[in-house]
C-alpha atoms as a PDB file:
ATOM      1  CA  UNK A   1      74.916 119.350 -84.823  1.00  0.00           C
ATOM      2  CA  UNK A   2      74.352 118.610 -81.137  1.00  0.00           C
ATOM      3  CA  UNK A   3      70.922 117.137 -81.899  1.00  0.00           C
ATOM      4  CA  UNK A   4      72.455 114.910 -84.575  1.00  0.00           C
ATOM      5  CA  UNK A   5      75.042 113.627 -82.100  1.00  0.00           C
ATOM      6  CA  UNK A   6      72.281 112.750 -79.619  1.00  0.00           C
ATOM      7  CA  UNK A   7      70.404 110.819 -82.307  1.00  0.00           C
ATOM      8  CA  UNK A   8      73.555 108.949 -83.325  1.00  0.00           C
ATOM      9  CA  UNK A   9      74.262 108.101 -79.677  1.00  0.00           C
ATOM     10  CA  UNK A  10      70.714 106.801 -79.171  1.00  0.00           C
ATOM     11  CA  UNK A  11      70.941 104.667 -82.302  1.00  0.00           C
ATOM     12  CA  UNK A  12      74.275 103.279 -81.116  1.00  0.00           C
ATOM     13  CA  UNK A  13      72.799 102.435 -77.693  1.00  0.00           C
ATOM     14  CA  UNK A  14      69.814 100.670 -79.274  1.00  0.00           C
ATOM     15  CA  UNK A  15      72.170  98.753 -81.558  1.00  0.00           C
ATOM     16  CA  UNK A  16      74.331  97.669 -78.609  1.00  0.00           C
ATOM     17  CA  UNK A  17      71.234  96.618 -76.642  1.00  0.00           C
ATOM     18  CA  UNK A  18      70.018  94.450 -79.538  1.00  0.00           C
ATOM     19  CA  UNK A  19      73.435  92.800 -79.762  1.00  0.00           C
ATOM     20  CA  UNK A  20      73.379  92.184 -75.982  1.00  0.00           C
ATOM     21  CA  UNK A  21      69.928  90.573 -76.135  1.00  0.00           C
ATOM     22  CA  UNK A  22      70.932  88.367 -79.075  1.00  0.00           C
ATOM     23  CA  UNK A  23      74.129  87.273 -77.334  1.00  0.00           C
ATOM     24  CA  UNK A  24      72.184  86.440 -74.187  1.00  0.00           C
ATOM     25  CA  UNK A  25      69.632  84.407 -76.166  1.00  0.00           C
ATOM     26  CA  UNK A  26      72.388  82.529 -77.986  1.00  0.00           C
ATOM     27  CA  UNK A  27      74.137  81.842 -74.700  1.00  0.00           C
ATOM     28  CA  UNK A  28      70.952  80.425 -73.164  1.00  0.00           C
ATOM     29  CA  UNK A  29      70.129  78.373 -76.235  1.00  0.00           C
ATOM     30  CA  UNK A  30      73.581  76.788 -76.296  1.00  0.00           C
ATOM     31  CA  UNK A  31      73.556  75.381 -72.774  1.00  0.00           C
ATOM     32  CA  UNK A  32      74.985  71.866 -73.172  1.00  0.00           C
ATOM     33  CA  UNK A  33      72.422  69.075 -72.931  1.00  0.00           C
ATOM     34  CA  UNK A  34      72.522  66.899 -69.835  1.00  0.00           C
ATOM     35  CA  UNK A  35      73.551  63.398 -70.830  1.00  0.00           C
ATOM     36  CA  UNK A  36      71.662  60.301 -69.722  1.00  0.00           C
ATOM     37  CA  UNK A  37      74.905  58.956 -68.242  1.00  0.00           C
ATOM     38  CA  UNK A  38      75.193  62.034 -66.022  1.00  0.00           C
ATOM     39  CA  UNK A  39      71.589  61.631 -64.844  1.00  0.00           C
ATOM     40  CA  UNK A  40      71.922  57.903 -64.121  1.00  0.00           C
ATOM     41  CA  UNK A  41      75.222  58.426 -62.323  1.00  0.00           C
ATOM     42  CA  UNK A  42      73.609  61.125 -60.163  1.00  0.00           C
ATOM     43  CA  UNK A  43      70.738  58.804 -59.186  1.00  0.00           C
ATOM     44  CA  UNK A  44      73.185  56.003 -58.436  1.00  0.00           C
ATOM     45  CA  UNK A  45      75.327  58.230 -56.224  1.00  0.00           C
ATOM     46  CA  UNK A  46      72.296  59.412 -54.243  1.00  0.00           C
ATOM     47  CA  UNK A  47      70.890  55.909 -53.765  1.00  0.00           C
ATOM     48  CA  UNK A  48      74.265  54.669 -52.503  1.00  0.00           C
ATOM     49  CA  UNK A  49      74.639  57.533 -50.029  1.00  0.00           C
ATOM     50  CA  UNK A  50      74.853  55.921 -46.584  1.00  0.00           C
ATOM     51  CA  UNK A  51      75.902  59.105 -44.760  1.00  0.00           C
ATOM     52  CA  UNK A  52      72.755  61.242 -45.113  1.00  0.00           C
ATOM     53  CA  UNK A  53      69.868  59.202 -46.480  1.00  0.00           C
ATOM     54  CA  UNK A  54      70.760  55.517 -46.146  1.00  0.00           C
ATOM     55  CA  UNK A  55      68.009  54.700 -48.651  1.00  0.00           C
ATOM     56  CA  UNK A  56      69.230  51.233 -49.575  1.00  0.00           C
ATOM     57  CA  UNK A  57      69.786  49.013 -46.536  1.00  0.00           C
ATOM     58  CA  UNK A  58      71.269  46.445 -48.909  1.00  0.00           C
ATOM     59  CA  UNK A  59      72.619  46.480 -52.447  1.00  0.00           C
ATOM     60  CA  UNK A  60      70.213  43.672 -53.359  1.00  0.00           C
ATOM     61  CA  UNK A  61      67.130  45.817 -52.780  1.00  0.00           C
ATOM     62  CA  UNK A  62      65.067  46.152 -55.941  1.00  0.00           C
ATOM     63  CA  UNK A  63      64.830  49.469 -57.781  1.00  0.00           C
ATOM     64  CA  UNK A  64      61.836  50.114 -60.026  1.00  0.00           C
ATOM     65  CA  UNK A  65      62.462  51.053 -63.651  1.00  0.00           C
ATOM     66  CA  UNK A  66      59.221  53.041 -63.625  1.00  0.00           C
ATOM     67  CA  UNK A  67      58.623  56.228 -61.612  1.00  0.00           C
ATOM     68  CA  UNK A  68      55.290  55.221 -60.118  1.00  0.00           C
ATOM     69  CA  UNK A  69      55.093  58.089 -57.619  1.00  0.00           C
ATOM     70  CA  UNK A  70      52.193  60.143 -56.232  1.00  0.00           C
ATOM     71  CA  UNK A  71      51.737  63.619 -57.748  1.00  0.00           C
ATOM     72  CA  UNK A  72      54.083  66.124 -56.104  1.00  0.00           C
ATOM     73  CA  UNK A  73      52.800  68.848 -53.869  1.00  0.00           C
ATOM     74  CA  UNK A  74      53.314  72.277 -55.431  1.00  0.00           C
ATOM     75  CA  UNK A  75      53.401  73.924 -52.011  1.00  0.00           C
ATOM     76  CA  UNK A  76      56.735  74.349 -50.260  1.00  0.00           C
ATOM     77  CA  UNK A  77      58.468  76.302 -47.542  1.00  0.00           C
ATOM     78  CA  UNK A  78      60.695  79.174 -48.671  1.00  0.00           C
ATOM     79  CA  UNK A  79      63.397  79.434 -45.998  1.00  0.00           C
ATOM     80  CA  UNK A  80      64.637  82.771 -47.386  1.00  0.00           C
ATOM     81  CA  UNK A  81      61.273  84.527 -47.173  1.00  0.00           C
ATOM     82  CA  UNK A  82      60.247  82.416 -44.146  1.00  0.00           C
ATOM     83  CA  UNK A  83      56.895  81.620 -45.693  1.00  0.00           C
ATOM     84  CA  UNK A  84      55.051  78.931 -47.635  1.00  0.00           C
ATOM     85  CA  UNK A  85      54.704  79.274 -51.399  1.00  0.00           C
ATOM     86  CA  UNK A  86      52.621  77.472 -53.970  1.00  0.00           C
ATOM     87  CA  UNK A  87      53.099  77.376 -57.735  1.00  0.00           C
ATOM     88  CA  UNK A  88      50.456  76.900 -60.410  1.00  0.00           C
ATOM     89  CA  UNK A  89      52.154  74.005 -62.179  1.00  0.00           C
ATOM     90  CA  UNK A  90      55.022  71.549 -61.827  1.00  0.00           C
ATOM     91  CA  UNK A  91      57.358  73.320 -64.263  1.00  0.00           C
ATOM     92  CA  UNK A  92      57.108  76.638 -62.395  1.00  0.00           C
ATOM     93  CA  UNK A  93      57.487  74.766 -59.106  1.00  0.00           C
ATOM     94  CA  UNK A  94      60.771  73.105 -60.158  1.00  0.00           C
ATOM     95  CA  UNK A  95      62.065  76.315 -61.743  1.00  0.00           C
ATOM     96  CA  UNK A  96      61.466  78.146 -58.478  1.00  0.00           C
ATOM     97  CA  UNK A  97      63.025  75.629 -56.082  1.00  0.00           C
ATOM     98  CA  UNK A  98      66.070  75.184 -58.339  1.00  0.00           C
ATOM     99  CA  UNK A  99      66.305  78.959 -58.817  1.00  0.00           C
ATOM    100  CA  UNK A 100      66.161  78.619 -62.609  1.00  0.00           C
ATOM    101  CA  UNK A 101      64.737  81.722 -64.253  1.00  0.00           C
ATOM    102  CA  UNK A 102      63.849  79.795 -67.401  1.00  0.00           C
ATOM    103  CA  UNK A 103      60.820  77.499 -67.362  1.00  0.00           C
ATOM    104  CA  UNK A 104      61.561  76.357 -70.925  1.00  0.00           C
ATOM    105  CA  UNK A 105      64.851  74.869 -69.724  1.00  0.00           C
ATOM    106  CA  UNK A 106      62.972  72.762 -67.161  1.00  0.00           C
ATOM    107  CA  UNK A 107      60.307  71.793 -69.699  1.00  0.00           C
ATOM    108  CA  UNK A 108      62.965  70.575 -72.138  1.00  0.00           C
ATOM    109  CA  UNK A 109      64.468  68.393 -69.406  1.00  0.00           C
ATOM    110  CA  UNK A 110      61.087  66.859 -68.608  1.00  0.00           C
ATOM    111  CA  UNK A 111      60.568  66.019 -72.278  1.00  0.00           C
ATOM    112  CA  UNK A 112      64.104  64.640 -72.574  1.00  0.00           C
ATOM    113  CA  UNK A 113      63.601  62.505 -69.457  1.00  0.00           C
ATOM    114  CA  UNK A 114      60.840  60.563 -71.185  1.00  0.00           C
ATOM    115  CA  UNK A 115      63.590  58.707 -73.032  1.00  0.00           C
ATOM    116  CA  UNK A 116      65.750  58.179 -69.939  1.00  0.00           C
ATOM    117  CA  UNK A 117      65.933  54.438 -69.250  1.00  0.00           C
ATOM    118  CA  UNK A 118      66.192  53.650 -65.540  1.00  0.00           C
ATOM    119  CA  UNK A 119      67.257  50.112 -66.472  1.00  0.00           C
ATOM    120  CA  UNK A 120      70.698  51.673 -66.932  1.00  0.00           C
ATOM    121  CA  UNK A 121      71.002  51.649 -63.136  1.00  0.00           C
ATOM    122  CA  UNK A 122      71.813  47.949 -63.481  1.00  0.00           C
ATOM    123  CA  UNK A 123      75.205  49.039 -64.863  1.00  0.00           C
ATOM    124  CA  UNK A 124      75.928  50.415 -61.372  1.00  0.00           C
ATOM    125  CA  UNK A 125      75.057  47.154 -59.655  1.00  0.00           C
ATOM    126  CA  UNK A 126      71.374  47.710 -58.886  1.00  0.00           C
ATOM    127  CA  UNK A 127      68.773  44.950 -59.097  1.00  0.00           C
ATOM    128  CA  UNK A 128      66.013  46.258 -61.375  1.00  0.00           C
ATOM    129  CA  UNK A 129      62.334  45.504 -60.882  1.00  0.00           C
ATOM    130  CA  UNK A 130      60.729  45.607 -64.340  1.00  0.00           C
ATOM    131  CA  UNK A 131      57.566  47.438 -63.318  1.00  0.00           C
ATOM    132  CA  UNK A 132      57.156  48.831 -66.847  1.00  0.00           C
ATOM    133  CA  UNK A 133      56.801  45.321 -68.272  1.00  0.00           C
ATOM    134  CA  UNK A 134      54.449  44.213 -65.497  1.00  0.00           C
ATOM    135  CA  UNK A 135      52.158  47.172 -66.134  1.00  0.00           C
ATOM    136  CA  UNK A 136      52.219  46.558 -69.901  1.00  0.00           C
ATOM    137  CA  UNK A 137      51.178  42.977 -69.156  1.00  0.00           C
ATOM    138  CA  UNK A 138      48.343  44.257 -66.935  1.00  0.00           C
ATOM    139  CA  UNK A 139      49.892  42.831 -63.769  1.00  0.00           C
ATOM    140  CA  UNK A 140      48.220  44.443 -60.762  1.00  0.00           C
ATOM    141  CA  UNK A 141      50.166  46.417 -58.167  1.00  0.00           C
ATOM    142  CA  UNK A 142      49.185  43.829 -55.533  1.00  0.00           C
ATOM    143  CA  UNK A 143      50.698  41.104 -57.707  1.00  0.00           C
ATOM    144  CA  UNK A 144      53.875  43.165 -58.140  1.00  0.00           C
ATOM    145  CA  UNK A 145      54.069  43.479 -54.351  1.00  0.00           C
ATOM    146  CA  UNK A 146      53.847  39.683 -54.051  1.00  0.00           C
ATOM    147  CA  UNK A 147      56.640  39.301 -56.597  1.00  0.00           C
ATOM    148  CA  UNK A 148      58.778  41.664 -54.554  1.00  0.00           C
ATOM    149  CA  UNK A 149      57.941  39.813 -51.320  1.00  0.00           C
ATOM    150  CA  UNK A 150      59.081  36.522 -52.855  1.00  0.00           C
ATOM    151  CA  UNK A 151      62.291  38.100 -54.141  1.00  0.00           C
ATOM    152  CA  UNK A 152      63.057  39.585 -50.739  1.00  0.00           C
ATOM    153  CA  UNK A 153      62.413  36.273 -48.946  1.00  0.00           C
ATOM    154  CA  UNK A 154      64.512  34.325 -51.470  1.00  0.00           C
ATOM    155  CA  UNK A 155      67.383  36.747 -50.831  1.00  0.00           C
ATOM    156  CA  UNK A 156      66.912  36.756 -47.044  1.00  0.00           C
ATOM    157  CA  UNK A 157      66.054  40.451 -47.033  1.00  0.00           C
ATOM    158  CA  UNK A 158      64.114  41.664 -44.007  1.00  0.00           C
ATOM    159  CA  UNK A 159      62.223  44.246 -46.047  1.00  0.00           C
ATOM    160  CA  UNK A 160      58.885  44.243 -47.812  1.00  0.00           C
ATOM    161  CA  UNK A 161      59.194  46.937 -50.432  1.00  0.00           C
ATOM    162  CA  UNK A 162      61.307  48.353 -53.262  1.00  0.00           C
ATOM    163  CA  UNK A 163      62.731  51.714 -54.274  1.00  0.00           C
ATOM    164  CA  UNK A 164      60.989  54.078 -56.662  1.00  0.00           C
ATOM    165  CA  UNK A 165      62.924  57.082 -57.917  1.00  0.00           C
ATOM    166  CA  UNK A 166      61.970  59.965 -60.193  1.00  0.00           C
ATOM    167  CA  UNK A 167      64.038  61.206 -63.098  1.00  0.00           C
ATOM    168  CA  UNK A 168      66.253  64.107 -61.972  1.00  0.00           C
ATOM    169  CA  UNK A 169      65.900  67.739 -63.011  1.00  0.00           C
ATOM    170  CA  UNK A 170      68.935  70.038 -62.865  1.00  0.00           C
ATOM    171  CA  UNK A 171      69.781  73.714 -62.695  1.00  0.00           C
ATOM    172  CA  UNK A 172      71.830  75.205 -65.534  1.00  0.00           C
ATOM    173  CA  UNK A 173      75.144  74.702 -63.753  1.00  0.00           C
ATOM    174  CA  UNK A 174      74.259  71.034 -63.200  1.00  0.00           C
ATOM    175  CA  UNK A 175      75.334  71.305 -59.568  1.00  0.00           C
ATOM    176  CA  UNK A 176      71.803  71.216 -58.137  1.00  0.00           C
ATOM    177  CA  UNK A 177      69.104  68.654 -58.841  1.00  0.00           C
ATOM    178  CA  UNK A 178      65.550  67.894 -57.797  1.00  0.00           C
ATOM    179  CA  UNK A 179      64.707  64.253 -57.083  1.00  0.00           C
ATOM    180  CA  UNK A 180      61.859  62.250 -55.527  1.00  0.00           C
ATOM    181  CA  UNK A 181      62.480  58.900 -53.828  1.00  0.00           C
ATOM    182  CA  UNK A 182      60.050  56.433 -52.256  1.00  0.00           C
ATOM    183  CA  UNK A 183      60.149  52.949 -50.748  1.00  0.00           C
ATOM    184  CA  UNK A 184      56.342  52.539 -50.991  1.00  0.00           C
ATOM    185  CA  UNK A 185      55.755  53.202 -47.285  1.00  0.00           C
ATOM    186  CA  UNK A 186      57.245  56.677 -47.309  1.00  0.00           C
ATOM    187  CA  UNK A 187      59.053  59.085 -49.562  1.00  0.00           C
ATOM    188  CA  UNK A 188      60.825  62.396 -49.858  1.00  0.00           C
ATOM    189  CA  UNK A 189      61.553  64.969 -52.518  1.00  0.00           C
ATOM    190  CA  UNK A 190      64.518  67.225 -52.160  1.00  0.00           C
ATOM    191  CA  UNK A 191      67.198  69.452 -53.594  1.00  0.00           C
ATOM    192  CA  UNK A 192      70.627  67.859 -53.836  1.00  0.00           C
ATOM    193  CA  UNK A 193      73.873  69.787 -54.257  1.00  0.00           C
ATOM    194  CA  UNK A 194      77.111  68.477 -55.758  1.00  0.00           C
ATOM    195  CA  UNK A 195      79.708  68.876 -53.009  1.00  0.00           C
ATOM    196  CA  UNK A 196      83.162  67.301 -53.074  1.00  0.00           C
ATOM    197  CA  UNK A 197      82.178  64.658 -55.575  1.00  0.00           C
ATOM    198  CA  UNK A 198      78.913  63.571 -53.966  1.00  0.00           C
ATOM    199  CA  UNK A 199      75.300  64.685 -54.129  1.00  0.00           C
ATOM    200  CA  UNK A 200      74.281  65.987 -50.715  1.00  0.00           C
ATOM    201  CA  UNK A 201      70.682  66.620 -49.659  1.00  0.00           C
ATOM    202  CA  UNK A 202      70.555  70.318 -48.775  1.00  0.00           C
ATOM    203  CA  UNK A 203      66.813  70.857 -48.669  1.00  0.00           C
ATOM    204  CA  UNK A 204      63.870  68.536 -48.109  1.00  0.00           C
ATOM    205  CA  UNK A 205      60.978  69.916 -50.150  1.00  0.00           C
ATOM    206  CA  UNK A 206      58.323  67.329 -49.303  1.00  0.00           C
ATOM    207  CA  UNK A 207      57.848  64.058 -47.454  1.00  0.00           C
ATOM    208  CA  UNK A 208      54.943  61.662 -47.388  1.00  0.00           C
ATOM    209  CA  UNK A 209      53.742  58.364 -45.950  1.00  0.00           C
ATOM    210  CA  UNK A 210      51.411  55.874 -47.554  1.00  0.00           C
END
């Protein structure tokens, strides 16, 4: 009788474990999708931040609708372990720095971001540089630079470049995001945290000059 009770208990524990695993899988699979509006609003908020980054010296500065950025470095400094780390691929890299223990979640965002239209930034008052169209029309990067120079001179802007921004990747709580920003001469990639209604840079992952 005692042996039978042990068997029944083991079966019950296995059954409960299976239910737990299924519930966890269902919970992970039903994480709400991140809307394009939320992504665009996040980019807009970061670009308009004059307290930390001051990326846009003027609201008239052009923003590219194409993320023409150099490949990211997969090596970064881990402040917790006080050491440098390097991942094998971009998905693992983003998963690690956002502390997301689910590479598929990051991969799905990357695939979804292919449809994200950065032209939507114009709805927040940004002047869009249609780099996508220029590249489709085989316009060289040097020619694009000349177009930008003319625009800046016509608008009395004492700058000679434009902003390029990546498409953001979020953690599951949507309160952390990874973003890369460049103004041609230099750029940064960093982790931003939602704090009191604004996205604050809490960790610079990489910076570069060109």
